[in-house]
C-alpha atoms as a PDB file:
ATOM      1  CA  MET A   1      -0.160  -6.064  -9.989  1.00  0.00           C
ATOM      2  CA  LYS A   2      -2.962  -3.622 -10.564  1.00  0.00           C
ATOM      3  CA  LEU A   3      -3.100  -0.673  -8.156  1.00  0.00           C
ATOM      4  CA  ARG A   4      -6.713  -1.445  -7.211  1.00  0.00           C
ATOM      5  CA  ASP A   5      -5.801  -5.055  -6.378  1.00  0.00           C
ATOM      6  CA  LEU A   6      -2.970  -3.857  -4.128  1.00  0.00           C
ATOM      7  CA  GLU A   7      -5.276  -1.367  -2.406  1.00  0.00           C
ATOM      8  CA  ARG A   8      -7.889  -4.083  -1.917  1.00  0.00           C
ATOM      9  CA  LYS A   9      -5.322  -6.324  -0.204  1.00  0.00           C
ATOM     10  CA  LEU A  10      -4.220  -3.464   2.028  1.00  0.00           C
ATOM     11  CA  ARG A  11      -7.802  -2.665   3.079  1.00  0.00           C
ATOM     12  CA  ILE A  12      -8.515  -6.328   3.863  1.00  0.00           C
ATOM     13  CA  ALA A  13      -5.426  -6.321   6.116  1.00  0.00           C
ATOM     14  CA  GLY A  14      -6.798  -3.277   8.008  1.00  0.00           C
ATOM     15  CA  CYS A  15      -4.615  -0.618   6.404  1.00  0.00           C
ATOM     16  CA  TYR A  16      -6.049   2.710   5.340  1.00  0.00           C
ATOM     17  CA  LEU A  17      -5.106   5.693   3.200  1.00  0.00           C
ATOM     18  CA  LYS A  18      -3.516   8.376   5.351  1.00  0.00           C
ATOM     19  CA  ARG A  19      -3.067  11.088   2.712  1.00  0.00           C
ATOM     20  CA  GLU A  20      -2.440  11.752  -0.935  1.00  0.00           C
ATOM     21  CA  GLY A  21       0.928  13.197  -1.908  1.00  0.00           C
ATOM     22  CA  GLY A  22       2.202  14.595  -5.179  1.00  0.00           C
ATOM     23  CA  SER A  23       2.869  11.316  -6.929  1.00  0.00           C
ATOM     24  CA  HIS A  24       2.416   8.840  -4.055  1.00  0.00           C
ATOM     25  CA  SER A  25      -0.266   7.843  -1.588  1.00  0.00           C
ATOM     26  CA  LEU A  26       0.638   7.203   2.051  1.00  0.00           C
ATOM     27  CA  TRP A  27      -0.927   4.100   3.594  1.00  0.00           C
ATOM     28  CA  ILE A  28      -0.751   3.227   7.271  1.00  0.00           C
ATOM     29  CA  ASN A  29      -1.234   0.030   9.235  1.00  0.00           C
ATOM     30  CA  PRO A  30      -2.756   1.114  12.562  1.00  0.00           C
ATOM     31  CA  LYS A  31      -1.859  -2.210  14.223  1.00  0.00           C
ATOM     32  CA  ASN A  32       1.897  -1.484  14.113  1.00  0.00           C
ATOM     33  CA  GLY A  33       2.088   2.140  12.900  1.00  0.00           C
ATOM     34  CA  ALA A  34       3.936   1.214   9.685  1.00  0.00           C
ATOM     35  CA  ILE A  35       3.628   3.816   6.908  1.00  0.00           C
ATOM     36  CA  GLU A  36       4.423   3.106   3.257  1.00  0.00           C
ATOM     37  CA  ALA A  37       4.385   5.315   0.157  1.00  0.00           C
ATOM     38  CA  ILE A  38       2.625   3.753  -2.801  1.00  0.00           C
ATOM     39  CA  PRO A  39       3.102   5.183  -6.311  1.00  0.00           C
ATOM     40  CA  ARG A  40      -0.057   6.083  -8.179  1.00  0.00           C
ATOM     41  CA  HIS A  41       0.478   4.062 -11.345  1.00  0.00           C
ATOM     42  CA  LYS A  42      -2.166   1.817 -12.854  1.00  0.00           C
ATOM     43  CA  GLU A  43       0.292  -1.093 -12.770  1.00  0.00           C
ATOM     44  CA  ILE A  44       2.798  -1.694  -9.978  1.00  0.00           C
ATOM     45  CA  LYS A  45       5.640  -4.125 -10.529  1.00  0.00           C
ATOM     46  CA  GLU A  46       5.350  -7.360  -8.616  1.00  0.00           C
ATOM     47  CA  PRO A  47       8.561  -7.024  -6.497  1.00  0.00           C
ATOM     48  CA  LEU A  48       7.516  -3.526  -5.342  1.00  0.00           C
ATOM     49  CA  ALA A  49       3.974  -4.701  -4.532  1.00  0.00           C
ATOM     50  CA  LYS A  50       5.358  -7.581  -2.437  1.00  0.00           C
ATOM     51  CA  LYS A  51       7.731  -5.190  -0.607  1.00  0.00           C
ATOM     52  CA  ILE A  52       4.853  -2.832   0.207  1.00  0.00           C
ATOM     53  CA  LEU A  53       2.681  -5.675   1.497  1.00  0.00           C
ATOM     54  CA  LYS A  54       5.559  -7.053   3.579  1.00  0.00           C
ATOM     55  CA  ASN A  55       6.427  -3.631   5.070  1.00  0.00           C
ATOM     56  CA  LEU A  56       2.810  -3.032   6.071  1.00  0.00           C
ATOM     57  CA  ASN A  57       2.425  -6.596   7.402  1.00  0.00           C
ATOM     58  CA  ALA A  58      -0.453  -7.142   4.984  1.00  0.00           C
ATOM     59  CA  GLU A  59       0.629 -10.457   3.479  1.00  0.00           C
END
C-alpha cells in the first residue's frame, strides 16, 4: 500500500499526525487515544498497513 493511501485512510477515520520522529511518524486516534508508529517508506507492506489500521481502529 502506498504511504499516501494509508495516510488518507487514517485521516478519513479521524486520526491525525502527532509528530515526526527519526524514521517514523506517530499517528494518534483521538477517539480512543491509540498511538501507532508508521514508517516513512513510499510503499508499506500490506500486512503492516492492515495492522496499523486495526490498531488505530481505522478500518
